[in-house]
Amino acid sequence: MNTNDAKEYLARREIPQLFEGLVNGLMYYRPDDPVEYLEICLQKVRELGGSEKVRWDTFLCQEKRGLPPLNGGQARRSFFRNVLPDSANYPYRRYDRLPPIHQFSIESDTDMTETAELIEEYEVFDPALSRPKIILVIGGPGSGKGTQSLKIAERYGFEYISVGELLRRKIHNTSSNRKWSLIAKIITTGELAPQETTITEMKQRLMQIPDAEGIVIDGFPRDVAQALSFEDQICTPDLVVFLACANHRLKERLQNRAEQHGRPDDNLKAIQRRLMNFKQNAVLLVKYFQEKGLIVTFDADRDEEEIFYDISMAVDNKLLSVKEPVAGPSELDLSLILDSGDTVDAESDFEDEASDQSYVSEVENMKETLKKLQIMFLLGGPGSGKATLCEKMVHKYGITHLSTGDLIRKELASFTERSKHLKDIMGRGEQVPEGTIVQLLKEAITTNQVCTKGFLIDGFPLNVKQAEEFECKVREPSLLLSMDCSAETMASRLLERSKTSPCIDDNIETIKQRIATYFQVTGPVITYYESKALLCKINAERTPEDIFSQVCASVESIF
């Protein structure tokens, strides 16, 4: 092979450009193990699609792109024109010296951010196969993400990925690598690991489990930028579980964990830094997923089994039921993250008043979403015509009908821990706890909030305590519609119905007992909402058309 053939081959394969990028990277990073570094770079070249995709600065971080190329600023000239002589008499050219390389900062991950070209987008999941369900579990440090993530994975047969463990394992296995030594220092100070490094490690792990039915990812994303990167480079998650817990409780848990397990990132300074990062990022991150209708939130300051059966119910309804939407936005209770009465240690980093005000503002904006929706209660005795009225209202106003009876039956048909608990209670002949009914309603509202104009809740509340608890956990209703119908009319309708649709409890004695119970139970509730000027009595003795006309007049006054 003559010189011209060699030059033609090198030019055609873009070898000079490849070598220029590799040498630039070596001179910039000065790795302790240059062979390992070159192997990593060559792997990235394959991911990029070949040497023709490589530029002089491909292996430099984004912040240093202002550096001149090794050939003295002539980026488009071939590297070998500066190295190989054109003739035997042409002297070698010397490289221009690079500017001095400053020490990396471990207070920020920006110096360690890898160029996007090193993380070229590629298909993590085989497009020919069904993509696994992806559940992201997020929350403050110490909120129980790991515990709940493992429980979810075990229950549904999903794969489990802990982003923190991925990074800690990599740090342990490459302790002599300068880059990962710096990342270890970053994590130890309570800062976030470099975003693209985290995404890369996650990609590699995901590609090792191509046949997974579902994947639970613990502790990711930590901020909106990571969420965007995950969607751009991997996929949109199917569900995001947010475990909300007050900062003072998180701090207590982390300090206890530090005493028991001694994790390096559970030192006091790192704990304070991690909690500050969480506080700053949590609201915007939750709001981002809310707008996509992907998130459900849970109070994490409870027994872990109680939290888990709530999560299981959400997973059952959002991912495993084809009749339900994927998920709806969840209201984020400020008190679950920010402690209104807390005083913070002087050495902690929670003193930024402007940041706190912004934080509160974001939470209040999120609560406004629910306030814009109309929530109506509908009470009526057996045979009062509630079912017919509900159908018409849903059709006319585009609202969602919720029935406490239907919600309880659906829960009993599931396989959650709460379902088992309810079956035991009802098996003993006891009533479903009022708190459970309110929680079921809250979750149903949260799930459907994004795709409806309002809610019509049928058969609720049955007592004043339920009403007060609903107002505390959700909000005050816009209206209570009460079907005003005499016991005689209801009994007559039920007896007539039994002729065409026989029902074991539609005998005269049972009917009378059911009607009497209804009046006894709901009387105080009607009085309660009448005192709040939220009661609308509907004359249910008339024809269905006349009843609906009166209802429309009342409903349209609030829409």
Protein backbone atom coordinates (compact mmCIF):
# COMPACT_ATOMS: atom_id res chain seq x y z
CA MET A 1 0.00 0.00 0.00
CA ASN A 2 1.49 3.37 -1.02
CA THR A 3 1.22 6.69 0.84
CA ASN A 4 -1.64 7.98 -1.29
CA ASP A 5 -3.70 4.83 -0.64
CA ALA A 6 -3.11 5.18 3.09
CA LYS A 7 -4.14 8.83 3.06
CA GLU A 8 -7.24 8.04 1.00
CA TYR A 9 -8.26 5.30 3.46
CA LEU A 10 -7.69 7.51 6.49
CA ALA A 11 -9.65 10.37 4.97
CA ARG A 12 -12.53 8.15 3.88
CA ARG A 13 -12.87 6.58 7.33
CA GLU A 14 -12.49 9.95 9.14
CA ILE A 15 -9.64 8.47 11.17
CA PRO A 16 -7.79 11.79 11.63
CA GLN A 17 -10.95 13.36 13.07
CA LEU A 18 -11.40 10.38 15.39
CA PHE A 19 -7.81 10.55 16.62
CA GLU A 20 -8.07 14.29 17.14
CA GLY A 21 -11.10 13.84 19.39
CA LEU A 22 -9.45 11.01 21.35
CA VAL A 23 -6.22 12.94 21.93
CA ASN A 24 -8.15 16.06 22.95
CA GLY A 25 -10.02 13.97 25.51
CA LEU A 26 -6.82 12.38 26.83
CA MET A 27 -5.07 15.72 27.20
CA TYR A 28 -8.07 17.32 28.87
CA TYR A 29 -8.99 14.59 31.38
CA ARG A 30 -5.53 13.00 31.83
CA PRO A 31 -7.05 9.71 33.07
CA ASP A 32 -5.02 7.44 35.37
CA ASP A 33 -5.92 4.54 33.08
CA PRO A 34 -5.71 5.84 29.48
CA VAL A 35 -6.44 2.42 27.99
CA GLU A 36 -9.73 2.15 29.89
CA TYR A 37 -10.58 5.72 28.91
CA LEU A 38 -9.96 4.99 25.21
CA GLU A 39 -12.06 1.83 25.42
CA ILE A 40 -14.96 3.89 26.84
CA CYS A 41 -14.55 6.50 24.12
CA LEU A 42 -14.51 3.90 21.35
CA GLN A 43 -17.68 2.37 22.76
CA LYS A 44 -19.28 5.82 22.56
CA VAL A 45 -18.14 6.09 18.95
CA ARG A 46 -20.09 2.92 18.17
CA GLU A 47 -23.14 4.35 19.91
CA LEU A 48 -22.80 7.56 17.92
CA GLY A 49 -22.82 5.59 14.67
CA GLY A 50 -19.18 5.55 13.61
CA SER A 51 -16.08 7.71 13.38
CA GLU A 52 -17.73 10.09 10.90
CA LYS A 53 -19.93 11.30 13.79
CA VAL A 54 -16.94 12.30 15.92
CA ARG A 55 -15.74 15.91 16.16
CA TRP A 56 -12.61 17.37 17.71
CA ASP A 57 -14.54 18.20 20.90
CA THR A 58 -16.81 15.14 21.11
CA PHE A 59 -15.12 13.85 24.26
CA LEU A 60 -15.04 17.19 26.09
CA CYS A 61 -17.79 18.30 28.48
CA GLN A 62 -20.18 20.98 27.22
CA GLU A 63 -18.83 23.78 29.42
CA LYS A 64 -15.36 23.44 27.85
CA ARG A 65 -16.48 23.58 24.23
CA GLY A 66 -14.88 27.04 23.98
CA LEU A 67 -11.41 25.46 24.02
CA PRO A 68 -9.58 25.61 20.69
CA PRO A 69 -8.93 22.34 18.86
CA LEU A 70 -5.47 20.87 19.09
CA ASN A 71 -4.58 22.10 15.60
CA GLY A 72 -4.59 25.73 16.68
CA GLY A 73 -8.21 26.66 16.03
CA GLN A 74 -8.55 25.28 12.50
CA ALA A 75 -11.28 22.84 13.43
CA ARG A 76 -12.14 21.85 9.88
CA ARG A 77 -8.58 20.98 8.93
CA SER A 78 -7.56 17.38 9.21
CA PHE A 79 -5.66 16.33 12.30
CA PHE A 80 -3.08 14.50 10.21
CA ARG A 81 -2.26 17.64 8.25
CA ASN A 82 -0.66 18.87 11.45
CA VAL A 83 1.05 15.57 12.23
CA LEU A 84 2.06 13.82 8.99
CA PRO A 85 4.39 15.66 6.60
CA ASP A 86 3.27 16.27 3.04
CA SER A 87 6.82 15.45 1.94
CA ALA A 88 10.06 14.28 3.49
CA ASN A 89 11.25 17.88 3.68
CA TYR A 90 8.16 19.27 5.47
CA PRO A 91 8.84 19.56 9.22
CA TYR A 92 6.41 18.31 11.85
CA ARG A 93 4.16 21.00 13.29
CA ARG A 94 3.87 21.47 17.00
CA TYR A 95 0.53 21.56 18.80
CA ASP A 96 -0.68 24.80 20.28
CA ARG A 97 -0.91 24.39 24.04
CA LEU A 98 -4.34 24.05 25.60
CA PRO A 99 -5.33 26.60 28.25
CA PRO A 100 -4.66 25.44 31.82
CA ILE A 101 -7.21 22.93 33.13
CA HIS A 102 -8.91 24.10 36.31
CA GLN A 103 -9.75 21.76 39.15
CA PHE A 104 -13.23 20.26 39.05
CA SER A 105 -15.74 21.59 41.54
CA ILE A 106 -17.55 19.01 43.62
CA GLU A 107 -20.18 21.54 44.73
CA SER A 108 -21.95 21.29 41.40
CA ASP A 109 -22.47 18.59 38.83
CA THR A 110 -22.12 20.99 35.89
CA ASP A 111 -18.38 20.40 35.50
CA MET A 112 -19.01 16.68 35.21
CA THR A 113 -21.94 16.86 32.79
CA GLU A 114 -21.21 14.72 29.78
CA THR A 115 -21.90 15.98 26.28
CA ALA A 116 -25.21 14.91 24.81
CA GLU A 117 -23.32 13.50 21.84
CA LEU A 118 -21.82 10.86 24.15
CA ILE A 119 -25.34 9.79 25.09
CA GLU A 120 -26.76 9.59 21.59
CA GLU A 121 -30.38 8.54 21.65
CA TYR A 122 -30.93 4.90 20.86
CA GLU A 123 -33.73 2.45 21.44
CA VAL A 124 -33.48 1.15 24.99
CA PHE A 125 -36.44 -1.15 24.43
CA ASP A 126 -36.93 -3.31 21.36
CA PRO A 127 -39.65 -1.56 19.31
CA ALA A 128 -40.82 -4.95 18.04
CA LEU A 129 -41.74 -6.02 21.57
CA SER A 130 -44.25 -4.69 24.07
CA ARG A 131 -42.56 -2.11 26.28
CA PRO A 132 -42.52 -2.96 30.01
CA LYS A 133 -44.58 -0.85 32.38
CA ILE A 134 -42.42 1.80 34.03
CA ILE A 135 -43.18 3.01 37.57
CA LEU A 136 -41.06 5.80 39.03
CA VAL A 137 -41.03 6.13 42.82
CA ILE A 138 -39.93 9.54 44.06
CA GLY A 139 -39.87 11.36 47.37
CA GLY A 140 -37.53 12.99 49.82
CA PRO A 141 -34.49 11.17 51.21
CA GLY A 142 -35.77 8.90 53.94
CA SER A 143 -39.36 8.84 52.70
CA GLY A 144 -39.31 5.04 52.26
CA LYS A 145 -38.85 4.93 48.48
CA GLY A 146 -36.65 1.85 48.61
CA THR A 147 -38.97 -0.11 50.88
CA GLN A 148 -42.08 0.65 48.82
CA SER A 149 -40.32 0.13 45.49
CA LEU A 150 -39.19 -3.35 46.53
CA LYS A 151 -42.69 -4.20 47.71
CA ILE A 152 -44.20 -3.08 44.39
CA ALA A 153 -41.65 -5.07 42.41
CA GLU A 154 -42.24 -8.19 44.49
CA ARG A 155 -46.04 -7.97 44.35
CA TYR A 156 -46.30 -7.50 40.58
CA GLY A 157 -43.27 -9.49 39.47
CA PHE A 158 -41.52 -6.36 38.17
CA GLU A 159 -37.79 -5.70 38.00
CA TYR A 160 -36.38 -3.31 40.59
CA ILE A 161 -33.77 -0.62 39.90
CA SER A 162 -32.32 1.63 42.59
CA VAL A 163 -30.57 4.55 40.95
CA GLY A 164 -28.64 5.25 44.14
CA GLU A 165 -27.41 1.66 44.30
CA LEU A 166 -26.41 1.74 40.64
CA LEU A 167 -24.19 4.75 41.27
CA ARG A 168 -22.79 3.45 44.57
CA ARG A 169 -21.93 0.09 42.96
CA LYS A 170 -20.21 1.83 40.06
CA ILE A 171 -18.22 4.00 42.47
CA HIS A 172 -17.15 0.94 44.45
CA ASN A 173 -16.13 -1.04 41.34
CA THR A 174 -14.19 1.85 39.76
CA SER A 175 -12.69 3.42 42.87
CA SER A 176 -9.41 4.15 41.05
CA ASN A 177 -11.14 6.03 38.25
CA ARG A 178 -10.79 9.79 38.72
CA LYS A 179 -14.20 10.60 37.27
CA TRP A 180 -16.03 8.25 39.61
CA SER A 181 -13.91 9.36 42.56
CA LEU A 182 -15.17 12.89 41.92
CA ILE A 183 -18.76 11.66 41.60
CA ALA A 184 -18.35 9.88 44.94
CA LYS A 185 -17.32 13.20 46.51
CA ILE A 186 -20.30 14.95 44.91
CA ILE A 187 -22.74 12.40 46.34
CA THR A 188 -21.06 12.46 49.75
CA THR A 189 -21.67 16.23 49.98
CA GLY A 190 -25.37 15.71 49.28
CA GLU A 191 -25.38 16.97 45.69
CA LEU A 192 -26.96 15.17 42.73
CA ALA A 193 -24.76 13.00 40.55
CA PRO A 194 -24.18 14.27 36.98
CA GLN A 195 -27.41 13.91 35.05
CA GLU A 196 -26.09 12.24 31.89
CA THR A 197 -23.93 9.85 33.91
CA THR A 198 -27.04 8.77 35.82
CA ILE A 199 -29.05 8.34 32.60
CA THR A 200 -26.25 6.33 31.01
CA GLU A 201 -26.01 3.93 33.94
CA MET A 202 -29.79 3.53 33.92
CA LYS A 203 -29.84 2.83 30.20
CA GLN A 204 -27.24 0.13 30.54
CA ARG A 205 -29.20 -1.53 33.33
CA LEU A 206 -32.50 -1.35 31.44
CA MET A 207 -30.94 -2.97 28.38
CA GLN A 208 -29.91 -5.91 30.55
CA ILE A 209 -33.57 -6.74 31.32
CA PRO A 210 -35.30 -6.60 27.89
CA ASP A 211 -37.95 -9.18 28.80
CA ALA A 212 -39.19 -7.48 31.96
CA GLU A 213 -42.97 -7.15 32.24
CA GLY A 214 -42.55 -4.06 34.38
CA ILE A 215 -39.79 -2.03 36.01
CA VAL A 216 -39.87 -0.07 39.26
CA ILE A 217 -37.24 2.69 39.40
CA ASP A 218 -36.45 3.91 42.89
CA GLY A 219 -35.24 7.48 43.47
CA PHE A 220 -35.46 8.96 40.00
CA PRO A 221 -35.94 11.63 38.75
CA ARG A 222 -34.77 14.17 41.31
CA ASP A 223 -35.68 17.26 39.30
CA VAL A 224 -37.52 18.29 36.13
CA ALA A 225 -34.33 18.25 34.04
CA GLN A 226 -33.82 14.58 34.87
CA ALA A 227 -37.48 13.87 34.08
CA LEU A 228 -37.12 15.47 30.66
CA SER A 229 -33.90 13.60 29.97
CA PHE A 230 -35.54 10.30 30.94
CA GLU A 231 -38.43 10.90 28.56
CA ASP A 232 -36.16 12.03 25.74
CA GLN A 233 -33.69 9.17 25.99
CA ILE A 234 -35.73 6.30 27.41
CA CYS A 235 -39.53 6.66 27.53
CA THR A 236 -42.46 8.33 29.27
CA PRO A 237 -43.24 6.53 32.54
CA ASP A 238 -46.61 4.87 33.01
CA LEU A 239 -47.01 5.94 36.63
CA VAL A 240 -45.16 8.13 39.11
CA VAL A 241 -45.60 7.42 42.82
CA PHE A 242 -44.73 10.36 45.08
CA LEU A 243 -44.14 9.69 48.78
CA ALA A 244 -44.68 12.95 50.62
CA CYS A 245 -43.29 13.43 54.10
CA ALA A 246 -42.50 16.46 56.27
CA ASN A 247 -38.88 17.61 56.29
CA HIS A 248 -38.40 17.19 60.02
CA ARG A 249 -39.52 13.55 59.78
CA LEU A 250 -37.17 12.93 56.85
CA LYS A 251 -34.29 14.38 58.83
CA GLU A 252 -35.09 12.15 61.83
CA ARG A 253 -35.22 9.05 59.63
CA LEU A 254 -31.94 9.85 57.88
CA GLN A 255 -30.15 10.44 61.17
CA ASN A 256 -31.47 7.13 62.51
CA ARG A 257 -30.39 5.37 59.33
CA ALA A 258 -26.92 6.91 59.60
CA GLU A 259 -26.58 5.50 63.11
CA GLN A 260 -27.72 2.03 62.03
CA HIS A 261 -26.14 1.62 58.58
CA GLY A 262 -23.48 4.32 58.26
CA ARG A 263 -24.04 5.23 54.60
CA PRO A 264 -21.47 7.87 53.53
CA ASP A 265 -24.16 10.22 52.19
CA ASP A 266 -26.04 10.16 55.52
CA ASN A 267 -23.66 12.55 57.26
CA LEU A 268 -25.18 15.69 58.79
CA LYS A 269 -23.97 18.13 56.15
CA ALA A 270 -25.05 15.85 53.30
CA ILE A 271 -28.46 15.29 54.92
CA GLN A 272 -29.07 19.01 55.11
CA ARG A 273 -27.94 19.50 51.53
CA ARG A 274 -30.06 16.62 50.22
CA LEU A 275 -33.15 17.87 52.02
CA MET A 276 -32.60 21.35 50.62
CA ASN A 277 -32.26 19.96 47.09
CA PHE A 278 -35.44 17.98 47.60
CA LYS A 279 -37.38 20.97 48.92
CA GLN A 280 -36.27 23.14 46.01
CA ASN A 281 -37.11 20.57 43.33
CA ALA A 282 -40.13 18.66 44.68
CA VAL A 283 -42.97 21.03 43.84
CA LEU A 284 -41.93 21.72 40.26
CA LEU A 285 -41.27 18.02 39.66
CA VAL A 286 -44.67 16.98 41.02
CA LYS A 287 -46.37 19.73 39.06
CA TYR A 288 -44.62 18.60 35.87
CA PHE A 289 -45.95 15.06 36.26
CA GLN A 290 -49.35 16.41 37.30
CA GLU A 291 -49.71 18.25 34.03
CA LYS A 292 -49.04 14.97 32.26
CA GLY A 293 -51.61 13.16 34.42
CA LEU A 294 -49.06 10.59 35.59
CA ILE A 295 -48.64 11.08 39.32
CA VAL A 296 -50.32 9.88 42.50
CA THR A 297 -49.21 11.11 45.93
CA PHE A 298 -49.30 9.37 49.28
CA ASP A 299 -48.68 10.50 52.84
CA ALA A 300 -45.47 8.64 53.72
CA ASP A 301 -45.63 9.43 57.43
CA ARG A 302 -47.66 6.30 58.15
CA ASP A 303 -47.19 2.58 58.70
CA GLU A 304 -45.41 1.09 55.68
CA GLU A 305 -48.06 -1.60 55.16
CA GLU A 306 -50.82 1.02 55.12
CA ILE A 307 -48.88 3.04 52.55
CA PHE A 308 -48.27 -0.04 50.47
CA TYR A 309 -51.88 -1.12 50.16
CA ASP A 310 -52.75 2.40 49.06
CA ILE A 311 -50.03 2.24 46.42
CA SER A 312 -51.17 -1.23 45.34
CA MET A 313 -54.68 0.05 44.82
CA ALA A 314 -53.34 2.86 42.64
CA VAL A 315 -51.22 0.48 40.56
CA ASP A 316 -54.16 -1.90 40.16
CA ASN A 317 -56.46 0.88 38.99
CA LYS A 318 -54.05 2.88 36.84
CA LEU A 319 -51.94 0.21 35.18
CA LEU A 320 -53.81 -3.08 35.34
CA SER A 321 -57.37 -1.95 34.57
CA VAL A 322 -58.11 -1.15 30.93
CA LYS A 323 -61.20 0.80 31.94
CA GLU A 324 -59.27 3.39 33.92
CA PRO A 325 -57.11 6.24 32.61
CA VAL A 326 -53.39 5.84 33.27
CA ALA A 327 -53.42 8.29 36.16
CA GLY A 328 -54.50 11.71 37.15
CA PRO A 329 -52.75 14.51 38.93
CA SER A 330 -52.67 14.31 42.69
CA GLU A 331 -53.02 17.24 45.02
CA LEU A 332 -49.81 17.90 46.89
CA ASP A 333 -50.41 18.85 50.50
CA LEU A 334 -47.85 21.47 51.51
CA SER A 335 -47.84 20.21 55.08
CA LEU A 336 -46.51 16.87 53.88
CA ILE A 337 -43.25 18.47 52.78
CA LEU A 338 -42.79 21.86 54.39
CA ASP A 339 -43.36 22.19 58.13
CA SER A 340 -45.11 25.48 58.72
CA GLY A 341 -44.03 25.81 62.34
CA ASP A 342 -40.51 24.46 62.02
CA THR A 343 -37.48 26.39 63.08
CA VAL A 344 -34.34 25.33 61.27
CA ASP A 345 -30.81 25.02 62.63
CA ALA A 346 -28.62 27.97 61.84
CA GLU A 347 -26.12 25.76 60.04
CA SER A 348 -28.79 24.20 57.81
CA ASP A 349 -29.49 25.50 54.34
CA PHE A 350 -33.23 26.14 54.68
CA GLU A 351 -33.07 29.87 55.39
CA ASP A 352 -33.83 31.16 51.92
CA GLU A 353 -37.11 33.02 52.50
CA ALA A 354 -37.57 33.83 48.82
CA SER A 355 -37.24 30.15 47.97
CA ASP A 356 -39.82 29.22 50.60
CA GLN A 357 -42.26 31.79 49.25
CA SER A 358 -41.82 30.42 45.74
CA TYR A 359 -42.33 26.93 47.09
CA VAL A 360 -45.57 27.86 48.83
CA SER A 361 -46.76 29.68 45.72
CA GLU A 362 -46.24 26.61 43.56
CA VAL A 363 -48.20 24.40 45.95
CA GLU A 364 -51.07 26.85 46.11
CA ASN A 365 -51.20 26.98 42.31
CA MET A 366 -51.48 23.22 42.25
CA LYS A 367 -54.40 23.31 44.67
CA GLU A 368 -56.20 25.74 42.38
CA THR A 369 -56.59 22.95 39.82
CA LEU A 370 -58.98 21.08 42.10
CA LYS A 371 -60.81 24.23 43.14
CA LYS A 372 -61.84 24.90 39.54
CA LEU A 373 -63.73 21.61 39.35
CA GLN A 374 -67.30 21.34 40.61
CA ILE A 375 -67.97 18.65 43.21
CA MET A 376 -71.60 17.80 43.89
CA PHE A 377 -73.08 15.35 46.38
CA LEU A 378 -76.33 13.54 45.60
CA LEU A 379 -78.50 12.04 48.33
CA GLY A 380 -81.71 10.17 47.80
CA GLY A 381 -83.53 7.26 49.32
CA PRO A 382 -84.07 3.91 47.56
CA GLY A 383 -86.49 4.45 44.68
CA SER A 384 -86.02 8.23 44.58
CA GLY A 385 -84.68 8.15 41.01
CA LYS A 386 -80.98 8.81 41.65
CA ALA A 387 -79.70 6.38 39.01
CA THR A 388 -81.68 7.97 36.18
CA LEU A 389 -80.65 11.45 37.29
CA CYS A 390 -76.95 10.53 37.43
CA GLU A 391 -76.96 9.22 33.85
CA LYS A 392 -78.54 12.40 32.53
CA MET A 393 -76.18 14.71 34.42
CA VAL A 394 -73.07 12.86 33.27
CA HIS A 395 -74.23 13.04 29.67
CA LYS A 396 -75.19 16.70 29.76
CA TYR A 397 -72.34 18.24 31.78
CA GLY A 398 -69.37 15.97 31.07
CA ILE A 399 -68.86 15.23 34.74
CA THR A 400 -67.71 12.00 36.40
CA HIS A 401 -70.13 9.94 38.46
CA LEU A 402 -68.68 8.36 41.59
CA SER A 403 -70.63 5.95 43.74
CA THR A 404 -69.27 4.91 47.13
CA GLY A 405 -70.89 1.51 46.69
CA ASP A 406 -69.21 0.98 43.33
CA LEU A 407 -65.83 2.09 44.72
CA ILE A 408 -66.07 -0.34 47.63
CA ARG A 409 -67.11 -3.22 45.34
CA LYS A 410 -64.24 -2.44 43.00
CA GLU A 411 -61.80 -2.38 45.89
CA LEU A 412 -63.09 -5.73 47.15
CA ALA A 413 -62.55 -7.22 43.69
CA SER A 414 -58.89 -6.18 43.68
CA PHE A 415 -56.01 -7.99 45.33
CA THR A 416 -54.60 -5.20 47.47
CA GLU A 417 -53.79 -5.32 51.16
CA ARG A 418 -56.62 -2.88 51.76
CA SER A 419 -59.00 -5.23 49.96
CA LYS A 420 -58.07 -8.05 52.33
CA HIS A 421 -58.55 -5.73 55.29
CA LEU A 422 -62.00 -4.63 54.08
CA LYS A 423 -63.10 -8.22 53.46
CA ASP A 424 -62.18 -9.11 57.04
CA ILE A 425 -64.14 -6.14 58.37
CA MET A 426 -67.23 -6.82 56.29
CA GLY A 427 -66.97 -10.54 57.01
CA ARG A 428 -67.44 -9.69 60.70
CA GLY A 429 -70.57 -7.73 59.79
CA GLU A 430 -68.96 -4.36 60.51
CA GLN A 431 -69.30 -1.18 58.47
CA VAL A 432 -66.55 0.01 56.14
CA PRO A 433 -64.50 2.62 58.08
CA GLU A 434 -65.45 6.17 57.23
CA GLY A 435 -61.82 7.12 56.66
CA THR A 436 -61.49 4.38 54.06
CA ILE A 437 -64.55 5.62 52.17
CA VAL A 438 -63.20 9.16 52.09
CA GLN A 439 -59.80 7.87 50.97
CA LEU A 440 -61.37 5.87 48.13
CA LEU A 441 -63.23 8.97 46.98
CA LYS A 442 -60.11 11.12 47.18
CA GLU A 443 -58.12 8.66 45.08
CA ALA A 444 -60.91 8.40 42.50
CA ILE A 445 -61.09 12.20 42.26
CA THR A 446 -57.32 12.40 41.95
CA THR A 447 -57.31 9.79 39.20
CA ASN A 448 -60.01 11.44 37.08
CA GLN A 449 -59.30 15.07 37.88
CA VAL A 450 -57.46 15.77 34.64
CA CYS A 451 -60.18 14.57 32.27
CA THR A 452 -63.46 15.87 33.70
CA LYS A 453 -65.36 19.06 34.40
CA GLY A 454 -66.46 17.95 37.83
CA PHE A 455 -67.76 15.11 40.00
CA LEU A 456 -71.18 13.88 41.02
CA ILE A 457 -70.79 11.74 44.15
CA ASP A 458 -73.78 9.52 44.72
CA GLY A 459 -74.80 8.32 48.20
CA PHE A 460 -72.32 10.44 50.12
CA PRO A 461 -71.94 11.65 52.83
CA LEU A 462 -73.95 9.43 55.11
CA ASN A 463 -73.15 11.39 58.25
CA VAL A 464 -71.69 14.72 59.29
CA LYS A 465 -68.36 13.17 60.27
CA GLN A 466 -67.86 11.91 56.71
CA ALA A 467 -68.75 15.34 55.39
CA GLU A 468 -66.20 17.04 57.63
CA GLU A 469 -63.46 14.55 56.79
CA PHE A 470 -64.07 14.97 53.06
CA GLU A 471 -63.84 18.74 53.40
CA CYS A 472 -60.59 18.36 55.30
CA LYS A 473 -58.91 15.92 52.90
CA VAL A 474 -60.39 17.10 49.60
CA ARG A 475 -62.52 20.28 49.70
CA GLU A 476 -66.02 21.57 50.38
CA PRO A 477 -68.60 20.52 47.80
CA SER A 478 -70.16 23.05 45.47
CA LEU A 479 -73.66 21.70 46.03
CA LEU A 480 -75.65 19.00 47.81
CA LEU A 481 -78.58 17.73 45.74
CA SER A 482 -81.19 16.07 47.92
CA MET A 483 -83.96 14.03 46.30
CA ASP A 484 -87.06 15.05 48.26
CA CYS A 485 -89.39 12.09 47.99
CA SER A 486 -91.93 10.66 50.42
CA ALA A 487 -91.57 7.20 51.94
CA GLU A 488 -94.84 6.16 50.30
CA THR A 489 -93.69 7.13 46.80
CA MET A 490 -90.32 5.38 47.19
CA ALA A 491 -91.97 2.20 48.52
CA SER A 492 -94.46 2.20 45.65
CA ARG A 493 -91.70 2.54 43.05
CA LEU A 494 -89.62 -0.24 44.57
CA LEU A 495 -92.56 -2.62 44.70
CA GLU A 496 -93.36 -1.86 41.08
CA ARG A 497 -89.73 -2.46 40.14
CA SER A 498 -89.73 -5.83 41.86
CA LYS A 499 -92.39 -7.07 39.45
CA THR A 500 -90.03 -6.83 36.46
CA SER A 501 -86.65 -7.11 38.21
CA PRO A 502 -87.12 -9.31 41.26
CA CYS A 503 -84.69 -8.59 44.05
CA ILE A 504 -84.51 -10.48 47.31
CA ASP A 505 -84.65 -7.32 49.40
CA ASP A 506 -87.57 -5.76 47.52
CA ASN A 507 -90.26 -7.05 49.85
CA ILE A 508 -92.43 -4.61 51.75
CA GLU A 509 -90.84 -5.07 55.17
CA THR A 510 -87.28 -4.72 53.89
CA ILE A 511 -88.26 -1.71 51.79
CA LYS A 512 -89.77 0.09 54.75
CA GLN A 513 -86.68 -0.60 56.85
CA ARG A 514 -84.32 0.72 54.15
CA ILE A 515 -86.34 3.91 53.70
CA ALA A 516 -86.56 4.52 57.44
CA THR A 517 -82.80 4.05 57.78
CA TYR A 518 -82.16 6.53 54.96
CA PHE A 519 -84.22 9.28 56.59
CA GLN A 520 -82.65 8.64 59.98
CA VAL A 521 -79.06 8.70 58.67
CA THR A 522 -79.23 11.58 56.20
CA GLY A 523 -81.35 14.01 58.21
CA PRO A 524 -78.38 15.56 60.07
CA VAL A 525 -76.35 15.76 56.84
CA ILE A 526 -79.09 17.68 55.04
CA THR A 527 -79.38 20.07 58.00
CA TYR A 528 -75.58 20.50 58.03
CA TYR A 529 -75.40 21.59 54.39
CA GLU A 530 -78.56 23.65 54.64
CA SER A 531 -76.78 25.73 57.29
CA LYS A 532 -73.92 26.24 54.83
CA ALA A 533 -76.33 27.40 52.10
CA LEU A 534 -75.18 24.49 49.88
CA LEU A 535 -78.43 22.48 49.92
CA CYS A 536 -80.69 22.13 46.91
CA LYS A 537 -83.85 20.10 47.50
CA ILE A 538 -85.21 18.43 44.36
CA ASN A 539 -88.91 17.53 44.16
CA ALA A 540 -88.50 13.86 43.22
CA GLU A 541 -92.25 13.17 43.14
CA ARG A 542 -92.51 14.51 39.59
CA THR A 543 -91.67 13.03 36.19
CA PRO A 544 -88.00 12.38 35.35
CA GLU A 545 -88.09 15.26 32.84
CA ASP A 546 -89.39 17.76 35.40
CA ILE A 547 -86.88 16.54 37.98
CA PHE A 548 -83.98 16.95 35.56
CA SER A 549 -85.14 20.42 34.58
CA GLN A 550 -85.03 21.56 38.21
CA VAL A 551 -81.60 19.97 38.71
CA CYS A 552 -80.23 21.71 35.61
CA ALA A 553 -81.36 25.08 36.90
CA SER A 554 -79.45 24.51 40.15
CA VAL A 555 -76.34 22.99 38.57
CA GLU A 556 -75.98 25.69 35.93
CA SER A 557 -75.89 28.32 38.64
CA ILE A 558 -72.49 26.98 39.76
CA PHE A 559 -70.95 26.07 36.39
